[in-house]
């Protein structure tokens, strides 16, 4: 499997914040222009941070992905310069030094997702149109009506979302299907419609064209660990 690995030094930032511009500049300085051999594939992102909070406010792992996708794909031309060419990604938020992000681009299938020290708390298939906003009622209602859904008490969660279709844009992480789906998992994560406790998510893997996923909908897997 062909892979490209980069270390990006600096404090990772979320999108639409004052830290985003210098963080994207750090990415552009650390990562060369994209190569023609990597027109599609996946991305592994290990964000190393000192805390899960910024300015006394928790920040979300999906929002941390957006500046990296913007800089590496749209600006530097990796994956053909098109976010729909991102077939899968895995992002982890690690409390360790030094601050930065270890980024790896790979061709081939997504790696197995089995978070160390976590137990599988939920696995089910949602067969229905995917939410278009974080306040869409259908997915939360489905979760609420399922028997045996675990209560949202833990503060460390890993999530895997598997989609069958290959045309969806996984890279549209700020406003697209992945973001809406995560926001609608608040019956599992805690929080309310429009204000989910998605800051609890320390690892996130999303893939499309996935075996076992429904033709319409998503296979949802949630692991629970220690805070």
Protein backbone atom coordinates (compact mmCIF):
# COMPACT_ATOMS: atom_id res chain seq x y z
CA UNK A 1 0.00 0.00 0.00
CA UNK A 2 1.46 3.33 -1.07
CA UNK A 3 1.42 5.97 1.67
CA UNK A 4 2.61 9.52 2.32
CA UNK A 5 3.33 10.63 5.89
CA UNK A 6 3.79 14.13 7.28
CA UNK A 7 4.26 15.71 10.69
CA UNK A 8 2.66 19.13 11.08
CA UNK A 9 4.00 20.98 14.11
CA UNK A 10 1.83 23.49 15.92
CA UNK A 11 -1.42 23.79 17.81
CA UNK A 12 -4.24 22.14 15.80
CA UNK A 13 -7.19 24.44 15.23
CA UNK A 14 -10.86 24.06 14.40
CA UNK A 15 -12.42 25.82 11.45
CA UNK A 16 -13.97 29.29 11.66
CA UNK A 17 -11.73 30.34 14.55
CA UNK A 18 -8.87 32.84 14.77
CA UNK A 19 -6.39 29.95 15.03
CA UNK A 20 -7.47 28.44 11.71
CA UNK A 21 -5.42 30.69 9.40
CA UNK A 22 -2.02 30.16 11.10
CA UNK A 23 -2.73 26.44 11.45
CA UNK A 24 -3.48 26.10 7.73
CA UNK A 25 -0.28 27.99 6.98
CA UNK A 26 1.64 25.51 9.16
CA UNK A 27 0.07 22.69 7.14
CA UNK A 28 1.11 24.27 3.86
CA UNK A 29 4.67 24.69 5.14
CA UNK A 30 4.92 21.07 6.32
CA UNK A 31 3.21 19.28 3.42
CA UNK A 32 4.39 19.46 -0.22
CA UNK A 33 2.11 19.78 -3.20
CA UNK A 34 0.03 16.71 -3.93
CA UNK A 35 1.34 13.94 -6.17
CA UNK A 36 -0.50 12.61 -9.20
CA UNK A 37 -0.27 9.03 -7.92
CA UNK A 38 -2.67 9.72 -5.06
CA UNK A 39 -5.90 10.65 -6.86
CA UNK A 40 -8.15 8.88 -4.36
CA UNK A 41 -7.72 7.14 -1.04
CA UNK A 42 -7.93 7.72 2.67
CA UNK A 43 -6.43 9.88 5.35
CA UNK A 44 -5.29 9.13 8.90
CA UNK A 45 -5.07 12.14 11.21
CA UNK A 46 -3.67 11.99 14.74
CA UNK A 47 -4.15 15.36 16.41
CA UNK A 48 -1.89 15.85 19.44
CA UNK A 49 -3.27 18.45 21.85
CA UNK A 50 -2.72 19.45 25.46
CA UNK A 51 -6.41 19.65 26.36
CA UNK A 52 -9.86 18.89 24.97
CA UNK A 53 -10.82 22.51 25.65
CA UNK A 54 -9.98 25.84 24.05
CA UNK A 55 -10.82 28.99 25.96
CA UNK A 56 -12.72 26.93 28.54
CA UNK A 57 -14.89 25.51 25.75
CA UNK A 58 -14.67 21.94 24.43
CA UNK A 59 -13.82 21.56 20.75
CA UNK A 60 -14.89 18.83 18.34
CA UNK A 61 -12.74 16.39 16.41
CA UNK A 62 -14.79 16.75 13.21
CA UNK A 63 -14.21 20.51 13.26
CA UNK A 64 -10.47 19.84 13.56
CA UNK A 65 -10.52 17.90 10.29
CA UNK A 66 -11.86 20.77 8.18
CA UNK A 67 -8.68 22.95 8.08
CA UNK A 68 -6.58 19.88 7.20
CA UNK A 69 -8.88 18.83 4.37
CA UNK A 70 -8.99 22.42 3.10
CA UNK A 71 -5.22 22.88 3.09
CA UNK A 72 -4.12 19.42 1.95
CA UNK A 73 -6.83 18.64 -0.60
CA UNK A 74 -8.14 21.96 -1.93
CA UNK A 75 -4.97 24.05 -1.66
CA UNK A 76 -2.12 21.54 -2.03
CA UNK A 77 -3.90 19.24 -4.47
CA UNK A 78 -3.76 15.90 -2.67
CA UNK A 79 -6.42 13.36 -3.69
CA UNK A 80 -6.70 15.10 -7.03
CA UNK A 81 -7.65 18.35 -5.33
CA UNK A 82 -11.21 17.12 -4.80
CA UNK A 83 -12.73 16.20 -1.46
CA UNK A 84 -15.15 13.64 -2.98
CA UNK A 85 -12.02 11.59 -3.77
CA UNK A 86 -11.62 10.99 -0.02
CA UNK A 87 -12.92 7.42 0.34
CA UNK A 88 -12.33 7.16 4.08
CA UNK A 89 -10.71 8.97 6.96
CA UNK A 90 -9.86 8.32 10.58
CA UNK A 91 -9.17 11.14 13.02
CA UNK A 92 -8.03 10.80 16.62
CA UNK A 93 -7.60 13.45 19.31
CA UNK A 94 -4.67 12.49 21.53
CA UNK A 95 -3.72 14.23 24.76
CA UNK A 96 0.06 14.23 24.33
CA UNK A 97 3.03 16.39 23.44
CA UNK A 98 4.32 17.81 21.23
CA UNK A 99 1.36 19.66 19.76
CA UNK A 100 0.71 18.93 16.12
CA UNK A 101 -0.83 16.48 13.68
CA UNK A 102 0.55 13.27 12.19
CA UNK A 103 -1.08 12.99 8.76
CA UNK A 104 -0.91 9.91 6.56
CA UNK A 105 -2.48 9.48 3.12
CA UNK A 106 -3.07 5.93 1.90
CA UNK A 107 -4.47 4.17 -1.12
CA UNK A 108 -6.59 1.10 -0.52
CA UNK A 109 -9.30 0.10 1.91
CA UNK A 110 -9.89 1.68 5.29
CA UNK A 111 -8.06 0.08 8.23
CA UNK A 112 -9.85 -1.95 10.88
CA UNK A 113 -11.33 0.26 13.57
CA UNK A 114 -10.95 -1.17 17.08
CA UNK A 115 -10.20 1.53 19.66
CA UNK A 116 -7.82 0.31 22.37
CA UNK A 117 -9.39 0.24 25.81
CA UNK A 118 -12.90 0.85 24.49
CA UNK A 119 -15.89 -1.49 24.43
CA UNK A 120 -18.51 -1.64 21.70
CA UNK A 121 -21.59 0.03 23.21
CA UNK A 122 -23.83 0.34 20.14
CA UNK A 123 -24.01 -1.11 16.63
CA UNK A 124 -27.03 -0.86 14.34
CA UNK A 125 -28.06 0.03 10.82
CA UNK A 126 -30.14 3.12 10.15
CA UNK A 127 -32.03 2.48 6.90
CA UNK A 128 -33.56 5.81 5.87
CA UNK A 129 -32.54 9.04 4.17
CA UNK A 130 -29.57 10.61 5.92
CA UNK A 131 -30.07 13.83 7.92
CA UNK A 132 -29.43 17.09 6.12
CA UNK A 133 -29.04 19.09 9.32
CA UNK A 134 -28.06 18.51 12.92
CA UNK A 135 -31.62 19.14 14.07
CA UNK A 136 -33.34 16.68 11.71
CA UNK A 137 -35.71 14.61 13.92
CA UNK A 138 -35.75 11.21 12.17
CA UNK A 139 -32.42 9.71 13.24
CA UNK A 140 -32.70 10.80 16.91
CA UNK A 141 -36.27 9.47 17.03
CA UNK A 142 -35.11 6.12 15.66
CA UNK A 143 -32.38 5.92 18.30
CA UNK A 144 -34.78 6.85 21.09
CA UNK A 145 -37.24 4.13 20.06
CA UNK A 146 -34.65 1.33 19.87
CA UNK A 147 -34.64 -1.06 22.83
CA UNK A 148 -31.48 -1.22 24.90
CA UNK A 149 -29.83 1.96 23.60
CA UNK A 150 -27.13 2.90 26.15
CA UNK A 151 -27.58 6.11 28.09
CA UNK A 152 -25.16 8.95 27.40
CA UNK A 153 -23.03 8.96 30.55
CA UNK A 154 -19.46 8.42 29.38
CA UNK A 155 -17.17 11.25 28.37
CA UNK A 156 -14.94 9.35 25.94
CA UNK A 157 -16.46 7.93 22.77
CA UNK A 158 -15.21 6.51 19.48
CA UNK A 159 -17.49 6.46 16.44
CA UNK A 160 -17.42 4.67 13.10
CA UNK A 161 -19.85 5.62 10.33
CA UNK A 162 -20.03 3.34 7.27
CA UNK A 163 -21.87 4.40 4.12
CA UNK A 164 -22.56 2.20 1.10
CA UNK A 165 -22.69 4.91 -1.54
CA UNK A 166 -19.50 6.18 -3.16
CA UNK A 167 -20.77 9.52 -4.48
CA UNK A 168 -21.22 11.27 -1.14
CA UNK A 169 -18.60 13.80 -0.08
CA UNK A 170 -16.96 12.64 3.15
CA UNK A 171 -14.61 15.60 2.94
CA UNK A 172 -17.44 18.10 3.37
CA UNK A 173 -16.93 17.75 7.08
CA UNK A 174 -18.05 21.23 8.14
CA UNK A 175 -21.58 21.22 6.73
CA UNK A 176 -22.14 17.88 4.99
CA UNK A 177 -23.69 14.50 5.77
CA UNK A 178 -21.04 13.36 8.25
CA UNK A 179 -21.49 16.45 10.43
CA UNK A 180 -25.29 16.20 10.38
CA UNK A 181 -25.18 12.49 11.22
CA UNK A 182 -22.85 13.00 14.19
CA UNK A 183 -24.95 15.89 15.49
CA UNK A 184 -28.04 13.69 15.35
CA UNK A 185 -26.44 11.05 17.58
CA UNK A 186 -27.16 13.08 20.71
CA UNK A 187 -29.38 10.32 22.21
CA UNK A 188 -26.13 8.31 22.38
CA UNK A 189 -23.68 11.13 23.08
CA UNK A 190 -25.75 13.37 25.30
CA UNK A 191 -26.93 16.90 24.67
CA UNK A 192 -29.95 18.07 22.73
CA UNK A 193 -30.99 18.82 19.15
CA UNK A 194 -28.67 21.52 17.87
CA UNK A 195 -26.34 21.15 20.88
CA UNK A 196 -24.96 17.59 20.95
CA UNK A 197 -22.14 16.55 23.27
CA UNK A 198 -19.97 15.62 20.29
CA UNK A 199 -16.93 16.99 22.13
CA UNK A 200 -16.87 13.55 23.80
CA UNK A 201 -15.73 11.94 20.53
CA UNK A 202 -11.99 11.22 20.68
CA UNK A 203 -11.84 9.03 17.57
CA UNK A 204 -13.89 9.13 14.39
CA UNK A 205 -13.71 6.92 11.31
CA UNK A 206 -15.92 7.39 8.26
CA UNK A 207 -15.88 5.39 5.05
CA UNK A 208 -17.95 5.11 1.91
CA UNK A 209 -18.44 2.16 -0.40
CA UNK A 210 -18.32 0.10 2.80
CA UNK A 211 -19.33 -3.55 2.96
CA UNK A 212 -22.21 -4.16 5.36
CA UNK A 213 -23.59 -0.66 5.04
CA UNK A 214 -27.18 -0.16 3.82
CA UNK A 215 -27.83 1.13 0.32
CA UNK A 216 -29.70 4.03 1.93
CA UNK A 217 -28.61 5.06 5.39
CA UNK A 218 -25.59 4.31 7.55
CA UNK A 219 -24.06 1.63 9.75
CA UNK A 220 -23.40 3.26 13.13
CA UNK A 221 -20.87 1.87 15.62
CA UNK A 222 -20.13 3.56 18.93
CA UNK A 223 -17.43 2.54 21.41
CA UNK A 224 -17.31 3.72 25.01
CA UNK A 225 -14.15 4.23 27.07
CA UNK A 226 -12.80 6.03 30.08
CA UNK A 227 -12.99 9.82 30.11
